[in-house]
Structures are given as structure tokens and as C-alpha cells.
Amino acid sequence: MTEEPRPTLEAVAARAGVSRATVSRVVNGDPGVRETLAERVRHAVDELGYVPNRAARSLVTRRHDAVAVVIAEPETRVFADPFFALQLRGISKELTARDVQLVLLLTEGRDDHERVGRYLAGGHVDGALAFSLHLDDPLPGIIRRAAVPTVFGGRPGWPDAAADEQAAPYVDCDNRGGAREAVRHLVGLGRGRVAHITGPLDQTSAVDRLDGYRDVLVDVDPRLIAEGDFTPAGGERAMRELLHRAPELDAVFAANDLSASGALRVLRERGRRVPDDVAVVGFDDMLPVAEQADPPLTTVRQDIEEMGRLMARMLLRGKGGEDVACEPANVVLPTALVRRASA
């Protein structure tokens, strides 16, 4: 049985009663075609089942309709942490609405960095979205050398980022302000020994949340601060360390919900009642984690999915030739305290 030939531009043009050039312009998203003609072309495309040849189109338009999403974490972390799923969902929704493909690139070591650099420099994508970067991460330099338009998730913290914000546009939430609100809430409950489980301090989100904690507790006892790593296991380790160093603590602000979940487990093991003995507040408001915690977790909400969507929108606006002169180079989304049973 022979396979039927794929419909061509010429066949679509004949069915729609227009020129081949008009079909090409409609298929490539040219807004200059009259709506009546464009609708006839779209109808013919649907009838014939025409599928554009992306490879041929990219030769003409120099667009690949693909965006790389670069996450500076190993796959074991990315696929275990709901934060990344939420951000990827926001990115995917925006790209899908523009008929743009998502190419996921993860990094775990030097070989991965070199692979990502080769891929980005190879002209396979129209731009990149990069997040979860660390302060000593080589990825910003790799991306810069690849010369692909990029939007970052989170405030960049490498040395030359602040000098040229236009070269490193980013989307973030108000990490410092959200942390201040969390700690003020605990202080307002009458808690006098408020501890903090940080995130990894080579990431700006963790640094900003620690700064927000210190904004409220200016002369805090350093024994009340323990470094975590945004994971449940890291939260457990930090909570045990805090209880050993400062057993009299009566509240904990954890830098994210996963760390808070680990802290809750240790407090339960040690017979500390939450919130009676120790009040706990997290950060993120990832519903599967916060709502199912025992007790349900009071936390600072950031709109993770919206951050992903805005990253993709900023990148596509820059690539689509739209007038972005009045658009802010960076976007910082507000946060809000969500009160549940833990504090």
C-alpha cells in the first residue's frame, strides 16, 4: 500500500483560490493578510491536513519556533521538586499558545555545561529560559557566548549582572518582602526565639529570604540560623541542628515548603507540638506540600506558574519584533502570607 503524498503549499493555494505566496504568509503568521483571505487559507489547511515544513520555514524566516529551558539542577532534583513542575507548566502553556516547542536542558556537571553550550550556540533555538542558577554557575557565561536571547528565572547574582540589567532580564518574586512578612507574623504571635532554615546560600532567592528575616530580627542570635538546601532532607538536617544548638526556639521560618515539611517531621519525632510549642512558616505555597503537611502549613505564596509564563512571554515579545520599549526589563511579582494551622 503506497503512502499518499503530503499536501503542498500549491495544493492549499489551489483549494483556497489564492496565490502560493499568500498561503506562505498566512502559514508563517504574517499579520498583513486580509482576514477574509487568511480564513480561506486556514480552512483549506484544515481540509487538506497540511502540515508546515518547519525545517524549510526556518531557512526562510531564520526562526526555529523552539525555546530552550535550561535548569541548573540534576534531573533527580528537577523531577522530585514540585516547584520545577509548576514553573515548567507556566512556560509550556505560554509556548504552546504561540506554537513554540520547549526543549528541556538539565545540567549536573561540567560535561553537561559543555553540551548545553554547544547546543545553544548551534542555532537550534530562538532563545533560552534559564533558572535555578547558582552564584558560581558557568551557565551565564556560556549563554552569553552562545549569543541567544535569554530571560532568567530569579534575580541574577553573578558579578556583572547588576551592571547590565538589559543583558540579563529576569522574573522573580519579592523574596525579601515575603520573608519579612513571614517573620513579622511569627513575632506578632508572641514568638521570641524565631529560627530560620535557609536555602542554599549560593542562590539569590535564599540570600534574599535570609536578608528579609534579618530585616525584622536585626540582632538575631546566629545559633538560630541553619543552612538548608530547599529539600525535605535538608530541612530535617537543619531542624535537628537548630534543636541541638537552640532547644528553646519557639518558631521556625523555613525558606521553602519542602524544607518546612522536613522540619515538621523532626519536630514531630522530638515531641514538639506544632504550633503550640513551635510555630512553623514556609515559603512558596506549593499546594500538594503545604495543604497536605501535618498540620497544614502557613506559608508565603509566590505564583510560580505565573513566573514561568511571564518568562516565556518576555522572551517571545523580544523575538517577535513587538515594541517592548515601554516594557520593564525585569518583573518582580508580589507575595502574600497564606495562614493555615502551623502558625
Protein backbone atom coordinates (compact mmCIF):
# COMPACT_ATOMS: atom_id res chain seq x y z
CA MET A 1 0.00 0.00 0.00
CA THR A 2 1.55 3.27 -1.13
CA GLU A 3 1.59 6.28 1.18
CA GLU A 4 -0.34 9.29 -0.07
CA PRO A 5 1.81 12.35 -0.77
CA ARG A 6 1.75 15.14 1.79
CA PRO A 7 -0.34 18.19 0.82
CA THR A 8 1.77 21.02 -0.54
CA LEU A 9 1.54 24.81 -0.42
CA GLU A 10 0.41 24.70 -4.06
CA ALA A 11 -2.46 22.37 -3.16
CA VAL A 12 -3.57 24.65 -0.32
CA ALA A 13 -3.36 27.68 -2.64
CA ALA A 14 -5.49 25.93 -5.28
CA ARG A 15 -8.11 24.89 -2.70
CA ALA A 16 -8.27 28.40 -1.18
CA GLY A 17 -8.18 30.18 -4.55
CA VAL A 18 -5.19 32.34 -3.60
CA SER A 19 -1.55 32.56 -4.57
CA ARG A 20 1.16 30.36 -3.13
CA ALA A 21 2.77 33.48 -1.62
CA THR A 22 -0.44 34.29 0.27
CA VAL A 23 -0.56 30.80 1.74
CA SER A 24 3.07 31.09 2.80
CA ARG A 25 2.41 34.40 4.53
CA VAL A 26 -0.58 33.03 6.44
CA VAL A 27 1.25 29.86 7.49
CA ASN A 28 4.21 31.94 8.71
CA GLY A 29 1.97 34.20 10.79
CA ASP A 30 2.25 37.35 8.69
CA PRO A 31 -0.41 39.76 10.04
CA GLY A 32 -0.58 41.67 6.74
CA VAL A 33 -3.01 39.28 5.02
CA ARG A 34 -6.67 40.34 4.86
CA GLU A 35 -8.73 38.34 7.36
CA THR A 36 -11.12 37.02 4.69
CA LEU A 37 -8.20 35.57 2.69
CA ALA A 38 -6.47 34.28 5.82
CA GLU A 39 -9.63 32.46 6.87
CA ARG A 40 -9.91 30.79 3.45
CA VAL A 41 -6.30 29.63 3.74
CA ARG A 42 -6.81 28.28 7.26
CA HIS A 43 -9.93 26.43 6.12
CA ALA A 44 -8.03 24.85 3.20
CA VAL A 45 -5.16 23.89 5.54
CA ASP A 46 -7.62 22.09 7.82
CA GLU A 47 -9.40 20.36 4.94
CA LEU A 48 -6.21 19.06 3.35
CA GLY A 49 -4.37 18.33 6.60
CA TYR A 50 -1.43 20.44 5.52
CA VAL A 51 1.50 20.47 7.99
CA PRO A 52 4.16 23.18 7.50
CA ASN A 53 7.71 22.02 6.93
CA ARG A 54 9.48 23.62 9.91
CA ALA A 55 12.95 22.96 8.56
CA ALA A 56 12.21 24.71 5.28
CA ARG A 57 10.47 27.55 7.03
CA SER A 58 13.40 28.17 9.37
CA LEU A 59 15.69 28.60 6.37
CA VAL A 60 13.50 31.46 5.17
CA THR A 61 12.47 33.09 8.45
CA ARG A 62 15.61 32.24 10.46
CA ARG A 63 13.23 31.19 13.24
CA HIS A 64 13.14 27.72 14.72
CA ASP A 65 9.95 28.02 16.79
CA ALA A 66 11.77 26.38 19.68
CA VAL A 67 12.96 27.68 23.06
CA ALA A 68 15.48 26.01 25.36
CA VAL A 69 14.62 25.79 29.04
CA VAL A 70 17.86 25.44 30.98
CA ILE A 71 17.63 24.30 34.61
CA ALA A 72 20.87 24.31 36.57
CA GLU A 73 19.96 21.26 38.64
CA PRO A 74 20.32 17.48 38.24
CA GLU A 75 17.33 15.53 36.99
CA THR A 76 16.89 13.83 40.39
CA ARG A 77 16.11 17.25 41.90
CA VAL A 78 14.05 18.62 39.00
CA PHE A 79 11.66 15.69 38.82
CA ALA A 80 11.25 15.42 42.61
CA ASP A 81 10.54 19.08 43.38
CA PRO A 82 7.03 20.39 42.50
CA PHE A 83 8.46 23.92 42.15
CA PHE A 84 10.01 22.97 38.82
CA ALA A 85 6.82 21.28 37.60
CA LEU A 86 4.83 24.44 38.31
CA GLN A 87 7.33 26.71 36.58
CA LEU A 88 7.59 24.40 33.58
CA ARG A 89 3.80 24.28 33.33
CA GLY A 90 3.62 28.07 33.11
CA ILE A 91 6.36 28.14 30.48
CA SER A 92 4.76 25.33 28.48
CA LYS A 93 1.34 26.98 28.45
CA GLU A 94 2.74 30.21 27.03
CA LEU A 95 4.93 28.49 24.44
CA THR A 96 2.13 26.16 23.33
CA ALA A 97 -0.19 29.12 22.79
CA ARG A 98 2.43 30.55 20.38
CA ASP A 99 3.08 27.18 18.67
CA VAL A 100 6.63 27.13 20.02
CA GLN A 101 8.38 23.94 21.14
CA LEU A 102 10.02 23.54 24.55
CA VAL A 103 13.46 21.91 24.67
CA LEU A 104 14.46 20.92 28.23
CA LEU A 105 18.17 21.03 29.12
CA LEU A 106 19.37 19.96 32.59
CA THR A 107 22.87 20.35 33.98
CA GLU A 108 24.64 18.26 36.59
CA GLY A 109 28.35 18.70 35.86
CA ARG A 110 31.00 20.12 33.57
CA ASP A 111 30.17 17.79 30.69
CA ASP A 112 26.55 18.95 30.80
CA HIS A 113 27.60 22.61 30.72
CA GLU A 114 29.68 21.99 27.61
CA ARG A 115 26.82 20.09 25.99
CA VAL A 116 24.35 22.90 26.72
CA GLY A 117 26.79 25.48 25.37
CA ARG A 118 27.25 23.56 22.12
CA TYR A 119 23.51 23.15 21.69
CA LEU A 120 22.67 26.81 22.30
CA ALA A 121 25.47 28.01 20.00
CA GLY A 122 24.37 25.57 17.29
CA GLY A 123 21.39 27.66 16.20
CA HIS A 124 18.73 25.13 17.21
CA VAL A 125 16.54 27.51 19.25
CA ASP A 126 15.31 31.09 19.12
CA GLY A 127 16.14 31.81 22.75
CA ALA A 128 16.58 30.39 26.23
CA LEU A 129 14.89 30.50 29.63
CA ALA A 130 17.28 29.72 32.49
CA PHE A 131 16.58 29.30 36.18
CA SER A 132 17.79 27.83 39.47
CA LEU A 133 21.24 29.27 38.78
CA HIS A 134 23.96 29.27 41.45
CA LEU A 135 26.41 32.12 42.13
CA ASP A 136 29.43 30.25 40.75
CA ASP A 137 27.50 28.74 37.87
CA PRO A 138 29.28 28.92 34.48
CA LEU A 139 25.92 28.92 32.64
CA PRO A 140 25.51 32.73 32.38
CA GLY A 141 28.87 32.99 30.62
CA ILE A 142 28.05 30.02 28.40
CA ILE A 143 24.71 31.55 27.44
CA ARG A 144 26.34 34.93 26.77
CA ARG A 145 28.90 33.36 24.46
CA ALA A 146 26.16 31.46 22.62
CA ALA A 147 24.56 34.87 21.87
CA VAL A 148 20.97 33.67 22.28
CA PRO A 149 18.28 35.96 23.75
CA THR A 150 17.68 34.84 27.33
CA VAL A 151 15.33 35.55 30.23
CA PHE A 152 16.34 34.36 33.69
CA GLY A 153 14.15 32.99 36.44
CA GLY A 154 15.27 34.66 39.66
CA ARG A 155 17.41 37.71 40.30
CA PRO A 156 20.83 37.14 38.75
CA GLY A 157 23.65 37.17 41.28
CA TRP A 158 26.80 36.78 39.22
CA PRO A 159 29.24 39.72 39.43
CA ASP A 160 28.47 41.60 36.21
CA ALA A 161 24.70 41.04 36.13
CA ALA A 162 23.81 44.18 38.06
CA ALA A 163 25.95 46.31 35.75
CA ASP A 164 23.87 45.44 32.70
CA GLU A 165 20.27 44.57 33.56
CA GLN A 166 19.25 44.71 29.90
CA ALA A 167 21.62 41.82 29.19
CA ALA A 168 20.09 39.75 32.00
CA PRO A 169 16.32 40.38 32.14
CA TYR A 170 14.63 38.32 34.82
CA VAL A 171 11.36 37.39 36.51
CA ASP A 172 11.32 36.87 40.27
CA CYS A 173 9.09 37.25 43.30
CA ASP A 174 9.58 39.61 46.24
CA ASN A 175 11.64 37.13 48.24
CA ARG A 176 12.85 39.65 50.79
CA GLY A 177 9.45 41.24 51.36
CA GLY A 178 7.77 37.84 51.66
CA ALA A 179 10.32 36.73 54.26
CA ARG A 180 9.75 39.91 56.26
CA GLU A 181 6.01 39.24 56.29
CA ALA A 182 6.53 35.66 57.46
CA VAL A 183 8.80 36.67 60.35
CA ARG A 184 6.56 39.58 61.38
CA HIS A 185 3.66 37.14 61.52
CA LEU A 186 5.60 34.87 63.90
CA VAL A 187 6.70 37.80 66.06
CA GLY A 188 3.09 39.02 66.11
CA LEU A 189 2.07 35.65 67.55
CA GLY A 190 4.32 36.40 70.52
CA ARG A 191 7.20 34.14 69.48
CA GLY A 192 10.51 35.34 70.87
CA ARG A 193 13.01 32.76 69.52
CA VAL A 194 12.35 32.61 65.79
CA ALA A 195 14.79 30.36 63.91
CA HIS A 196 15.45 30.29 60.18
CA ILE A 197 16.24 27.37 57.88
CA THR A 198 17.83 28.97 54.83
CA GLY A 199 18.01 27.72 51.29
CA PRO A 200 21.38 27.17 49.57
CA LEU A 201 23.19 30.46 50.03
CA ASP A 202 24.72 30.33 46.56
CA GLN A 203 21.25 31.20 45.19
CA THR A 204 19.87 34.73 45.35
CA SER A 205 16.38 33.63 46.41
CA ALA A 206 17.82 32.07 49.57
CA VAL A 207 20.03 35.11 50.25
CA ASP A 208 17.10 37.50 49.80
CA ARG A 209 14.90 35.47 52.18
CA LEU A 210 17.68 35.41 54.79
CA ASP A 211 18.03 39.19 54.41
CA GLY A 212 14.27 39.58 54.93
CA TYR A 213 14.49 37.51 58.13
CA ARG A 214 17.34 39.70 59.37
CA ASP A 215 15.44 42.88 58.45
CA VAL A 216 12.94 42.00 61.19
CA LEU A 217 15.31 40.34 63.67
CA VAL A 218 18.25 42.72 63.44
CA ASP A 219 20.29 41.35 66.34
CA VAL A 220 19.33 37.71 65.91
CA ASP A 221 21.32 35.02 67.71
CA PRO A 222 23.41 33.28 65.00
CA ARG A 223 22.59 29.94 66.62
CA LEU A 224 19.04 30.39 65.30
CA ILE A 225 20.13 30.22 61.65
CA ALA A 226 20.91 26.91 59.94
CA GLU A 227 21.60 26.37 56.26
CA GLY A 228 19.35 24.04 54.28
CA ASP A 229 19.14 23.23 50.59
CA PHE A 230 15.45 23.60 49.61
CA THR A 231 14.85 19.83 50.10
CA PRO A 232 12.94 17.88 52.80
CA ALA A 233 16.15 16.10 53.83
CA GLY A 234 17.93 19.44 54.12
CA GLY A 235 15.09 20.75 56.27
CA GLU A 236 15.38 17.73 58.56
CA ARG A 237 19.14 18.18 58.98
CA ALA A 238 18.80 21.89 59.68
CA MET A 239 15.96 21.35 62.18
CA ARG A 240 17.99 18.80 64.13
CA GLU A 241 20.92 21.22 64.17
CA LEU A 242 18.70 24.06 65.44
CA LEU A 243 17.20 21.94 68.21
CA HIS A 244 20.67 20.93 69.32
CA ARG A 245 22.02 24.49 69.33
CA ALA A 246 18.90 26.37 70.48
CA PRO A 247 16.42 23.95 72.08
CA GLU A 248 14.42 26.88 73.47
CA LEU A 249 13.32 28.05 69.98
CA ASP A 250 9.58 28.56 69.63
CA ALA A 251 9.19 29.31 65.90
CA VAL A 252 10.79 28.42 62.56
CA PHE A 253 10.69 30.24 59.26
CA ALA A 254 11.80 27.80 56.55
CA ALA A 255 12.99 29.17 53.21
CA ASN A 256 10.64 26.91 51.25
CA ASP A 257 7.79 24.48 51.81
CA LEU A 258 9.89 21.36 51.24
CA SER A 259 12.34 22.44 53.95
CA ALA A 260 9.39 23.17 56.22
CA SER A 261 7.99 19.67 55.62
CA GLY A 262 11.30 18.20 56.75
CA ALA A 263 11.31 20.43 59.83
CA LEU A 264 7.79 19.34 60.73
CA ARG A 265 8.84 15.68 60.65
CA VAL A 266 11.72 16.29 63.06
CA LEU A 267 9.57 18.36 65.42
CA ARG A 268 7.01 15.55 65.48
CA GLU A 269 9.74 13.00 66.22
CA ARG A 270 11.03 15.13 69.09
CA GLY A 271 7.58 15.54 70.62
CA ARG A 272 7.35 19.26 69.84
CA ARG A 273 3.73 20.24 69.16
CA VAL A 274 3.05 22.49 66.18
CA PRO A 275 2.02 25.26 66.60
CA ASP A 276 1.67 25.05 70.40
CA ASP A 277 5.38 24.57 71.13
CA VAL A 278 6.89 25.62 67.82
CA ALA A 279 5.15 27.63 65.08
CA VAL A 280 6.31 26.94 61.51
CA VAL A 281 6.05 29.06 58.35
CA GLY A 282 7.28 28.07 54.89
CA PHE A 283 7.67 29.82 51.54
CA ASP A 284 6.19 29.00 48.08
CA ASP A 285 2.65 27.75 48.85
CA MET A 286 3.04 24.64 46.72
CA LEU A 287 -0.40 23.19 47.40
CA PRO A 288 0.45 19.47 47.35
CA VAL A 289 3.08 20.16 50.00
CA ALA A 290 1.52 22.94 52.07
CA GLU A 291 -2.03 21.61 52.28
CA GLN A 292 -1.04 18.01 52.97
CA ALA A 293 1.50 18.87 55.66
CA ASP A 294 0.69 17.84 59.25
CA PRO A 295 -0.52 20.31 60.35
CA PRO A 296 -1.31 22.25 57.14
CA LEU A 297 1.43 24.77 56.54
CA THR A 298 1.24 28.52 56.91
CA THR A 299 3.42 29.84 54.11
CA VAL A 300 4.30 32.73 51.84
CA ARG A 301 2.69 32.37 48.43
CA GLN A 302 4.53 33.14 45.22
CA ASP A 303 2.83 32.50 41.87
CA ILE A 304 5.34 30.01 40.47
CA GLU A 305 3.34 29.12 37.36
CA GLU A 306 2.82 32.79 36.53
CA MET A 307 6.56 33.40 36.84
CA GLY A 308 7.17 30.73 34.20
CA ARG A 309 4.52 32.17 31.93
CA LEU A 310 5.95 35.69 32.21
CA MET A 311 9.47 34.45 31.46
CA ALA A 312 8.26 32.89 28.22
CA ARG A 313 6.16 35.93 27.33
CA MET A 314 9.10 38.32 27.84
CA LEU A 315 11.33 36.19 25.63
CA LEU A 316 8.76 35.82 22.85
CA ARG A 317 7.96 39.53 22.86
CA GLY A 318 11.60 40.32 22.32
CA LYS A 319 11.85 37.79 19.49
CA GLY A 320 8.56 38.69 17.84
CA GLY A 321 9.53 42.19 16.81
CA GLU A 322 6.95 43.76 19.14
CA ASP A 323 7.55 47.19 20.60
CA VAL A 324 8.96 46.40 24.04
CA ALA A 325 10.49 49.80 24.75
CA CYS A 326 7.86 50.50 27.41
CA GLU A 327 8.10 47.05 28.96
CA PRO A 328 10.09 46.69 32.20
CA ALA A 329 13.39 44.86 31.80
CA ASN A 330 12.63 42.87 34.94
CA VAL A 331 9.46 41.73 36.70
CA VAL A 332 9.17 41.16 40.46
CA LEU A 333 5.87 39.58 41.47
CA PRO A 334 4.28 40.25 44.88
CA THR A 335 3.97 37.62 47.59
CA ALA A 336 1.24 37.02 50.18
CA LEU A 337 1.06 35.20 53.50
CA VAL A 338 -1.36 32.23 53.49
CA ARG A 339 -2.41 31.31 57.01
CA ARG A 340 -3.07 27.69 57.91
CA ALA A 341 -2.74 25.63 61.08
CA SER A 342 1.07 25.56 61.58
CA ALA A 343 1.35 29.20 62.70
